[in-house]
Amino acid sequence: IFLDIHIPKKDGMQVAQEIRAIEDGNKKTVIIGLSADIRQDIINKALEAGMDTYIKKPIQQEELFETINKMM
């Protein structure tokens, strides 16, 4: 799942936590956080919320493919 960190009504970190809760501890779904905000504290929060990795926007094709390959 490509999940934006800042989405209306519910932020991406809340969504990631909900996905992980549904998985009941068996992490199955790869979640890649997306945001133009590249502050380390935001990245750390995204990872703590259950995202597997993080890509900054605007997305660069090479970084996108590299990240996908790492997650496979």
N, C-alpha and C. Protein backbone atom coordinates (compact mmCIF):
# COMPACT_ATOMS: atom_id res chain seq x y z
N ILE A 1 0.85 -1.17 0.00
CA ILE A 1 0.00 0.00 0.00
C ILE A 1 0.90 1.23 0.00
N PHE A 2 0.62 2.17 -0.89
CA PHE A 2 1.25 3.48 -0.83
C PHE A 2 0.30 4.37 -0.04
N LEU A 3 0.76 4.88 1.07
CA LEU A 3 -0.11 5.59 2.00
C LEU A 3 0.46 6.96 2.32
N ASP A 4 -0.26 8.00 1.93
CA ASP A 4 0.18 9.35 2.22
C ASP A 4 0.10 9.59 3.72
N ILE A 5 1.09 10.28 4.24
CA ILE A 5 1.14 10.57 5.67
C ILE A 5 0.05 11.55 6.06
N HIS A 6 -0.19 12.53 5.22
CA HIS A 6 -1.16 13.59 5.53
C HIS A 6 -2.38 13.45 4.61
N ILE A 7 -3.43 12.81 5.10
CA ILE A 7 -4.66 12.69 4.34
C ILE A 7 -5.80 13.28 5.16
N PRO A 8 -6.86 13.73 4.51
CA PRO A 8 -7.97 14.36 5.24
C PRO A 8 -8.65 13.41 6.23
N LYS A 9 -9.13 13.96 7.29
CA LYS A 9 -9.93 13.29 8.33
C LYS A 9 -9.12 12.34 9.20
N LYS A 10 -8.29 11.52 8.62
CA LYS A 10 -7.51 10.53 9.37
C LYS A 10 -6.12 10.50 8.74
N ASP A 11 -5.08 10.73 9.53
CA ASP A 11 -3.77 10.75 8.90
C ASP A 11 -3.29 9.33 8.59
N GLY A 12 -2.30 9.26 7.71
CA GLY A 12 -1.80 7.98 7.26
C GLY A 12 -1.26 7.11 8.37
N MET A 13 -0.75 7.75 9.41
CA MET A 13 -0.22 6.97 10.54
C MET A 13 -1.34 6.23 11.27
N GLN A 14 -2.49 6.87 11.41
CA GLN A 14 -3.65 6.19 12.02
C GLN A 14 -4.10 5.03 11.16
N VAL A 15 -4.11 5.23 9.85
CA VAL A 15 -4.53 4.17 8.93
C VAL A 15 -3.56 2.99 9.02
N ALA A 16 -2.26 3.29 9.07
CA ALA A 16 -1.26 2.22 9.19
C ALA A 16 -1.47 1.41 10.47
N GLN A 17 -1.74 2.11 11.57
CA GLN A 17 -2.00 1.42 12.84
C GLN A 17 -3.23 0.53 12.74
N GLU A 18 -4.27 1.01 12.08
CA GLU A 18 -5.48 0.21 11.92
C GLU A 18 -5.23 -1.03 11.07
N ILE A 19 -4.43 -0.88 10.03
CA ILE A 19 -4.10 -2.02 9.18
C ILE A 19 -3.34 -3.06 9.99
N ARG A 20 -2.36 -2.61 10.76
CA ARG A 20 -1.57 -3.53 11.58
C ARG A 20 -2.44 -4.22 12.63
N ALA A 21 -3.40 -3.51 13.17
CA ALA A 21 -4.30 -4.11 14.16
C ALA A 21 -5.16 -5.21 13.54
N ILE A 22 -5.60 -5.00 12.33
CA ILE A 22 -6.40 -6.01 11.62
C ILE A 22 -5.56 -7.26 11.36
N GLU A 23 -4.28 -7.05 11.08
CA GLU A 23 -3.41 -8.19 10.78
C GLU A 23 -3.10 -9.01 12.04
N ASP A 24 -3.47 -8.51 13.20
CA ASP A 24 -3.35 -9.25 14.45
C ASP A 24 -1.92 -9.72 14.73
N GLY A 25 -0.96 -8.82 14.50
CA GLY A 25 0.42 -9.14 14.80
C GLY A 25 1.17 -9.87 13.69
N ASN A 26 0.47 -10.39 12.73
CA ASN A 26 1.10 -11.05 11.60
C ASN A 26 1.23 -10.06 10.45
N LYS A 27 2.35 -9.36 10.43
CA LYS A 27 2.57 -8.32 9.43
C LYS A 27 2.63 -8.94 8.04
N LYS A 28 1.67 -8.61 7.21
CA LYS A 28 1.58 -9.18 5.86
C LYS A 28 1.62 -8.10 4.79
N THR A 29 0.98 -7.00 5.05
CA THR A 29 0.83 -5.95 4.06
C THR A 29 2.02 -4.99 4.11
N VAL A 30 2.64 -4.76 2.97
CA VAL A 30 3.72 -3.78 2.90
C VAL A 30 3.08 -2.40 2.80
N ILE A 31 3.49 -1.51 3.70
CA ILE A 31 2.97 -0.14 3.69
C ILE A 31 4.14 0.80 3.47
N ILE A 32 4.05 1.58 2.39
CA ILE A 32 5.07 2.56 2.06
C ILE A 32 4.47 3.94 2.25
N GLY A 33 5.01 4.67 3.21
CA GLY A 33 4.53 6.02 3.49
C GLY A 33 5.04 7.01 2.46
N LEU A 34 4.20 7.99 2.15
CA LEU A 34 4.56 9.03 1.19
C LEU A 34 4.30 10.39 1.80
N SER A 35 5.24 11.32 1.62
CA SER A 35 5.01 12.67 2.09
C SER A 35 6.10 13.59 1.57
N ALA A 36 5.76 14.85 1.44
CA ALA A 36 6.75 15.87 1.11
C ALA A 36 7.49 16.30 2.37
N ASP A 37 6.97 15.93 3.52
CA ASP A 37 7.57 16.26 4.81
C ASP A 37 8.66 15.24 5.11
N ILE A 38 9.90 15.67 5.09
CA ILE A 38 11.01 14.72 5.29
C ILE A 38 11.72 14.93 6.62
N ARG A 39 11.04 15.56 7.56
CA ARG A 39 11.65 15.71 8.89
C ARG A 39 11.80 14.33 9.53
N GLN A 40 12.90 14.14 10.19
CA GLN A 40 13.19 12.83 10.78
C GLN A 40 12.15 12.41 11.80
N ASP A 41 11.59 13.36 12.56
CA ASP A 41 10.58 12.99 13.55
C ASP A 41 9.32 12.46 12.88
N ILE A 42 8.96 13.00 11.74
CA ILE A 42 7.78 12.51 10.99
C ILE A 42 8.07 11.12 10.44
N ILE A 43 9.25 10.94 9.89
CA ILE A 43 9.63 9.62 9.36
C ILE A 43 9.61 8.58 10.48
N ASN A 44 10.16 8.93 11.64
CA ASN A 44 10.16 8.00 12.77
C ASN A 44 8.75 7.65 13.21
N LYS A 45 7.86 8.64 13.26
CA LYS A 45 6.47 8.39 13.65
C LYS A 45 5.78 7.46 12.65
N ALA A 46 6.06 7.66 11.37
CA ALA A 46 5.46 6.81 10.34
C ALA A 46 5.92 5.36 10.52
N LEU A 47 7.19 5.17 10.77
CA LEU A 47 7.72 3.82 10.97
C LEU A 47 7.17 3.20 12.25
N GLU A 48 7.08 3.99 13.30
CA GLU A 48 6.53 3.50 14.57
C GLU A 48 5.05 3.13 14.43
N ALA A 49 4.35 3.81 13.52
CA ALA A 49 2.93 3.53 13.31
C ALA A 49 2.71 2.23 12.53
N GLY A 50 3.78 1.68 11.98
CA GLY A 50 3.66 0.40 11.28
C GLY A 50 4.01 0.43 9.80
N MET A 51 4.41 1.60 9.31
CA MET A 51 4.82 1.65 7.91
C MET A 51 6.18 0.96 7.78
N ASP A 52 6.41 0.32 6.64
CA ASP A 52 7.65 -0.41 6.44
C ASP A 52 8.80 0.48 5.99
N THR A 53 8.46 1.50 5.26
CA THR A 53 9.46 2.44 4.77
C THR A 53 8.77 3.73 4.37
N TYR A 54 9.52 4.64 3.81
CA TYR A 54 9.03 5.99 3.58
C TYR A 54 9.68 6.53 2.31
N ILE A 55 8.90 7.16 1.45
CA ILE A 55 9.41 7.81 0.24
C ILE A 55 8.97 9.27 0.26
N LYS A 56 9.90 10.14 -0.05
CA LYS A 56 9.55 11.56 -0.08
C LYS A 56 8.95 11.93 -1.43
N LYS A 57 8.05 12.92 -1.38
CA LYS A 57 7.46 13.46 -2.61
C LYS A 57 8.16 14.76 -2.95
N PRO A 58 8.31 15.13 -4.18
CA PRO A 58 7.84 14.36 -5.35
C PRO A 58 8.64 13.08 -5.51
N ILE A 59 7.94 12.05 -5.90
CA ILE A 59 8.53 10.72 -6.02
C ILE A 59 9.43 10.66 -7.25
N GLN A 60 10.63 10.15 -7.01
CA GLN A 60 11.58 9.93 -8.09
C GLN A 60 11.47 8.47 -8.52
N GLN A 61 11.38 8.24 -9.81
CA GLN A 61 11.16 6.90 -10.35
C GLN A 61 12.19 5.90 -9.83
N GLU A 62 13.45 6.28 -9.83
CA GLU A 62 14.50 5.36 -9.39
C GLU A 62 14.31 4.97 -7.92
N GLU A 63 14.01 5.94 -7.08
CA GLU A 63 13.79 5.66 -5.66
C GLU A 63 12.55 4.77 -5.47
N LEU A 64 11.52 5.02 -6.24
CA LEU A 64 10.30 4.21 -6.15
C LEU A 64 10.59 2.75 -6.48
N PHE A 65 11.24 2.51 -7.61
CA PHE A 65 11.54 1.14 -8.01
C PHE A 65 12.50 0.45 -7.04
N GLU A 66 13.47 1.20 -6.55
CA GLU A 66 14.42 0.65 -5.58
C GLU A 66 13.70 0.23 -4.30
N THR A 67 12.78 1.06 -3.85
CA THR A 67 12.02 0.77 -2.63
C THR A 67 11.13 -0.44 -2.83
N ILE A 68 10.45 -0.50 -3.94
CA ILE A 68 9.59 -1.66 -4.23
C ILE A 68 10.41 -2.94 -4.25
N ASN A 69 11.56 -2.90 -4.90
CA ASN A 69 12.42 -4.10 -4.96
C ASN A 69 12.87 -4.53 -3.57
N LYS A 70 13.16 -3.61 -2.70
CA LYS A 70 13.59 -3.94 -1.33
C LYS A 70 12.45 -4.61 -0.56
N MET A 71 11.23 -4.23 -0.84
CA MET A 71 10.08 -4.74 -0.10
C MET A 71 9.64 -6.12 -0.59
N MET A 72 10.14 -6.57 -1.71
CA MET A 72 9.70 -7.85 -2.27
C MET A 72 10.51 -9.00 -1.72
